[in-house]
C-alpha atoms as a PDB file:
ATOM      1  CA  MET A   1       0.000   0.000   0.000  1.00  0.00           C
ATOM      2  CA  PRO A   2       1.240   3.513  -0.741  1.00  0.00           C
ATOM      3  CA  PRO A   3       1.853   5.510   2.443  1.00  0.00           C
ATOM      4  CA  LEU A   4      -0.846   7.845   3.733  1.00  0.00           C
ATOM      5  CA  GLU A   5       0.674  11.261   4.277  1.00  0.00           C
ATOM      6  CA  THR A   6      -0.596  13.896   6.688  1.00  0.00           C
ATOM      7  CA  PHE A   7       0.007  17.560   7.447  1.00  0.00           C
ATOM      8  CA  PRO A   8      -0.458  19.660  10.600  1.00  0.00           C
ATOM      9  CA  ASN A   9      -4.035  20.701  11.339  1.00  0.00           C
ATOM     10  CA  PRO A  10      -4.149  24.480  10.808  1.00  0.00           C
ATOM     11  CA  GLN A  11      -6.841  24.841  13.544  1.00  0.00           C
ATOM     12  CA  PRO A  12      -6.164  22.124  16.153  1.00  0.00           C
ATOM     13  CA  GLY A  13      -8.080  24.031  18.846  1.00  0.00           C
ATOM     14  CA  ARG A  14     -11.343  23.933  16.901  1.00  0.00           C
ATOM     15  CA  ASP A  15     -13.709  21.085  16.088  1.00  0.00           C
ATOM     16  CA  TYR A  16     -14.490  21.150  12.381  1.00  0.00           C
ATOM     17  CA  GLU A  17     -15.444  18.457   9.898  1.00  0.00           C
ATOM     18  CA  ILE A  18     -13.703  17.405   6.705  1.00  0.00           C
ATOM     19  CA  ALA A  19     -15.770  15.456   4.161  1.00  0.00           C
ATOM     20  CA  ILE A  20     -14.087  13.593   1.301  1.00  0.00           C
ATOM     21  CA  ARG A  21     -15.864  11.787  -1.547  1.00  0.00           C
ATOM     22  CA  CYS A  22     -14.184   9.215  -3.756  1.00  0.00           C
ATOM     23  CA  PRO A  23     -16.933   8.429  -6.312  1.00  0.00           C
ATOM     24  CA  GLU A  24     -14.812   6.175  -8.557  1.00  0.00           C
ATOM     25  CA  PHE A  25     -13.598   3.558  -6.070  1.00  0.00           C
ATOM     26  CA  THR A  26     -12.868   0.106  -7.466  1.00  0.00           C
ATOM     27  CA  SER A  27     -11.707  -3.174  -5.978  1.00  0.00           C
ATOM     28  CA  VAL A  28     -12.029  -6.833  -6.956  1.00  0.00           C
ATOM     29  CA  CYS A  29     -14.552  -9.386  -5.725  1.00  0.00           C
ATOM     30  CA  PRO A  30     -12.509 -12.110  -3.982  1.00  0.00           C
ATOM     31  CA  LYS A  31     -14.969 -14.819  -5.037  1.00  0.00           C
ATOM     32  CA  THR A  32     -15.462 -14.008  -8.723  1.00  0.00           C
ATOM     33  CA  GLY A  33     -12.431 -11.873  -9.608  1.00  0.00           C
ATOM     34  CA  LEU A  34     -14.805  -9.338 -11.180  1.00  0.00           C
ATOM     35  CA  PRO A  35     -14.416  -5.615 -10.492  1.00  0.00           C
ATOM     36  CA  ASP A  36     -16.509  -3.968  -7.782  1.00  0.00           C
ATOM     37  CA  PHE A  37     -17.436  -0.310  -8.094  1.00  0.00           C
ATOM     38  CA  GLY A  38     -18.603   2.147  -5.488  1.00  0.00           C
ATOM     39  CA  GLU A  39     -18.150   5.395  -3.662  1.00  0.00           C
ATOM     40  CA  ILE A  40     -16.053   5.840  -0.528  1.00  0.00           C
ATOM     41  CA  ARG A  41     -17.136   8.720   1.700  1.00  0.00           C
ATOM     42  CA  ILE A  42     -14.862   9.806   4.532  1.00  0.00           C
ATOM     43  CA  THR A  43     -15.941  12.301   7.177  1.00  0.00           C
ATOM     44  CA  TYR A  44     -13.672  13.218  10.056  1.00  0.00           C
ATOM     45  CA  THR A  45     -12.866  15.763  12.722  1.00  0.00           C
ATOM     46  CA  PRO A  46      -9.086  16.149  12.760  1.00  0.00           C
ATOM     47  CA  ASP A  47      -7.002  16.388  15.901  1.00  0.00           C
ATOM     48  CA  GLU A  48      -3.330  17.263  15.305  1.00  0.00           C
ATOM     49  CA  ARG A  49      -3.033  15.933  11.709  1.00  0.00           C
ATOM     50  CA  CYS A  50      -5.056  16.052   8.470  1.00  0.00           C
ATOM     51  CA  ILE A  51      -4.967  13.559   5.584  1.00  0.00           C
ATOM     52  CA  GLU A  52      -3.089  14.733   2.494  1.00  0.00           C
ATOM     53  CA  LEU A  53      -5.424  14.139  -0.466  1.00  0.00           C
ATOM     54  CA  LYS A  54      -2.923  13.136  -3.163  1.00  0.00           C
ATOM     55  CA  SER A  55      -1.571  10.337  -0.981  1.00  0.00           C
ATOM     56  CA  LEU A  56      -5.160   9.290  -0.184  1.00  0.00           C
ATOM     57  CA  LYS A  57      -5.908   9.053  -3.905  1.00  0.00           C
ATOM     58  CA  TYR A  58      -2.908   6.761  -4.515  1.00  0.00           C
ATOM     59  CA  TYR A  59      -3.789   4.699  -1.444  1.00  0.00           C
ATOM     60  CA  LEU A  60      -7.345   4.138  -2.716  1.00  0.00           C
ATOM     61  CA  VAL A  61      -6.205   3.363  -6.273  1.00  0.00           C
ATOM     62  CA  ASP A  62      -4.128   0.499  -4.877  1.00  0.00           C
ATOM     63  CA  PHE A  63      -7.366  -1.399  -4.103  1.00  0.00           C
ATOM     64  CA  ARG A  64      -8.073  -1.781  -7.852  1.00  0.00           C
ATOM     65  CA  GLN A  65      -6.008  -4.960  -7.907  1.00  0.00           C
ATOM     66  CA  LYS A  66      -7.000  -6.288  -4.482  1.00  0.00           C
ATOM     67  CA  GLY A  67      -9.572  -9.027  -3.912  1.00  0.00           C
ATOM     68  CA  ILE A  68     -11.495  -7.881  -0.840  1.00  0.00           C
ATOM     69  CA  PHE A  69     -15.066  -7.952   0.469  1.00  0.00           C
ATOM     70  CA  TYR A  70     -16.985  -4.678   0.940  1.00  0.00           C
ATOM     71  CA  GLU A  71     -17.030  -5.052   4.717  1.00  0.00           C
ATOM     72  CA  ALA A  72     -13.283  -5.659   4.885  1.00  0.00           C
ATOM     73  CA  VAL A  73     -12.287  -2.798   2.597  1.00  0.00           C
ATOM     74  CA  THR A  74     -14.443  -0.242   4.431  1.00  0.00           C
ATOM     75  CA  ASN A  75     -13.007  -1.263   7.807  1.00  0.00           C
ATOM     76  CA  GLN A  76      -9.440  -1.404   6.470  1.00  0.00           C
ATOM     77  CA  ILE A  77      -9.723   2.123   5.099  1.00  0.00           C
ATOM     78  CA  LEU A  78     -11.004   3.339   8.480  1.00  0.00           C
ATOM     79  CA  ASP A  79      -8.232   1.548  10.387  1.00  0.00           C
ATOM     80  CA  ASP A  80      -5.496   2.833   8.068  1.00  0.00           C
ATOM     81  CA  LEU A  81      -6.746   6.425   8.145  1.00  0.00           C
ATOM     82  CA  VAL A  82      -7.111   6.417  11.939  1.00  0.00           C
ATOM     83  CA  ALA A  83      -3.569   5.040  12.254  1.00  0.00           C
ATOM     84  CA  ALA A  84      -2.261   7.758   9.933  1.00  0.00           C
ATOM     85  CA  CYS A  85      -3.891  10.847  11.471  1.00  0.00           C
ATOM     86  CA  SER A  86      -5.449   9.949  14.869  1.00  0.00           C
ATOM     87  CA  PRO A  87      -8.628  11.988  14.325  1.00  0.00           C
ATOM     88  CA  ARG A  88     -11.082  12.951  17.042  1.00  0.00           C
ATOM     89  CA  ARG A  89     -13.765  11.025  15.128  1.00  0.00           C
ATOM     90  CA  MET A  90     -14.108   9.463  11.721  1.00  0.00           C
ATOM     91  CA  THR A  91     -16.720   7.691   9.625  1.00  0.00           C
ATOM     92  CA  VAL A  92     -16.025   5.776   6.420  1.00  0.00           C
ATOM     93  CA  ILE A  93     -18.927   4.710   4.232  1.00  0.00           C
ATOM     94  CA  GLY A  94     -18.465   2.266   1.375  1.00  0.00           C
ATOM     95  CA  ASP A  95     -21.507   2.648  -0.888  1.00  0.00           C
ATOM     96  CA  PHE A  96     -21.189  -0.048  -3.539  1.00  0.00           C
ATOM     97  CA  THR A  97     -22.932  -0.291  -6.903  1.00  0.00           C
ATOM     98  CA  ALA A  98     -25.724  -2.805  -7.276  1.00  0.00           C
ATOM     99  CA  ARG A  99     -24.752  -6.258  -8.469  1.00  0.00           C
ATOM    100  CA  GLY A 100     -27.400  -8.886  -9.138  1.00  0.00           C
ATOM    101  CA  GLY A 101     -30.099  -6.506  -7.934  1.00  0.00           C
ATOM    102  CA  ILE A 102     -28.503  -5.952  -4.509  1.00  0.00           C
ATOM    103  CA  SER A 103     -26.658  -2.826  -3.438  1.00  0.00           C
ATOM    104  CA  THR A 104     -24.603  -2.637  -0.273  1.00  0.00           C
ATOM    105  CA  ALA A 105     -23.515   0.249   1.966  1.00  0.00           C
ATOM    106  CA  VAL A 106     -21.077  -0.400   4.815  1.00  0.00           C
ATOM    107  CA  THR A 107     -20.498   2.206   7.555  1.00  0.00           C
ATOM    108  CA  ALA A 108     -17.518   2.017   9.922  1.00  0.00           C
ATOM    109  CA  THR A 109     -16.946   4.590  12.685  1.00  0.00           C
ATOM    110  CA  TYR A 110     -14.224   5.615  15.120  1.00  0.00           C
ATOM    111  CA  GLN A 111     -14.388   7.864  18.187  1.00  0.00           C
ATOM    112  CA  LYS A 112     -11.252   8.878  20.099  1.00  0.00           C
ATOM    113  CA  LYS A 113     -11.469   7.945  23.761  1.00  0.00           C
END
């Protein structure tokens, strides 16, 4: 995986929300080998660090060749982003395109203790 880069939060004393949409997310179904398409939505309140968007783009592109279930990819993205920037709170939603008449949305959340 490409490294997730961060930068110092310009307003660490204030709670504010950053919302990121990645509408062209792709991965591979581990059972069929067929491509999966969806949107990844990331919402977080930064603490000391913010996610650098170019590195996030390259990180997400790396999933194009990876066989992974929707539930696993959504939780992995959350875990990796939390490890990179230690936000106050974060939600990652994987909203995947319908396949066989069924669409799936997976929501994973984190709250700093």
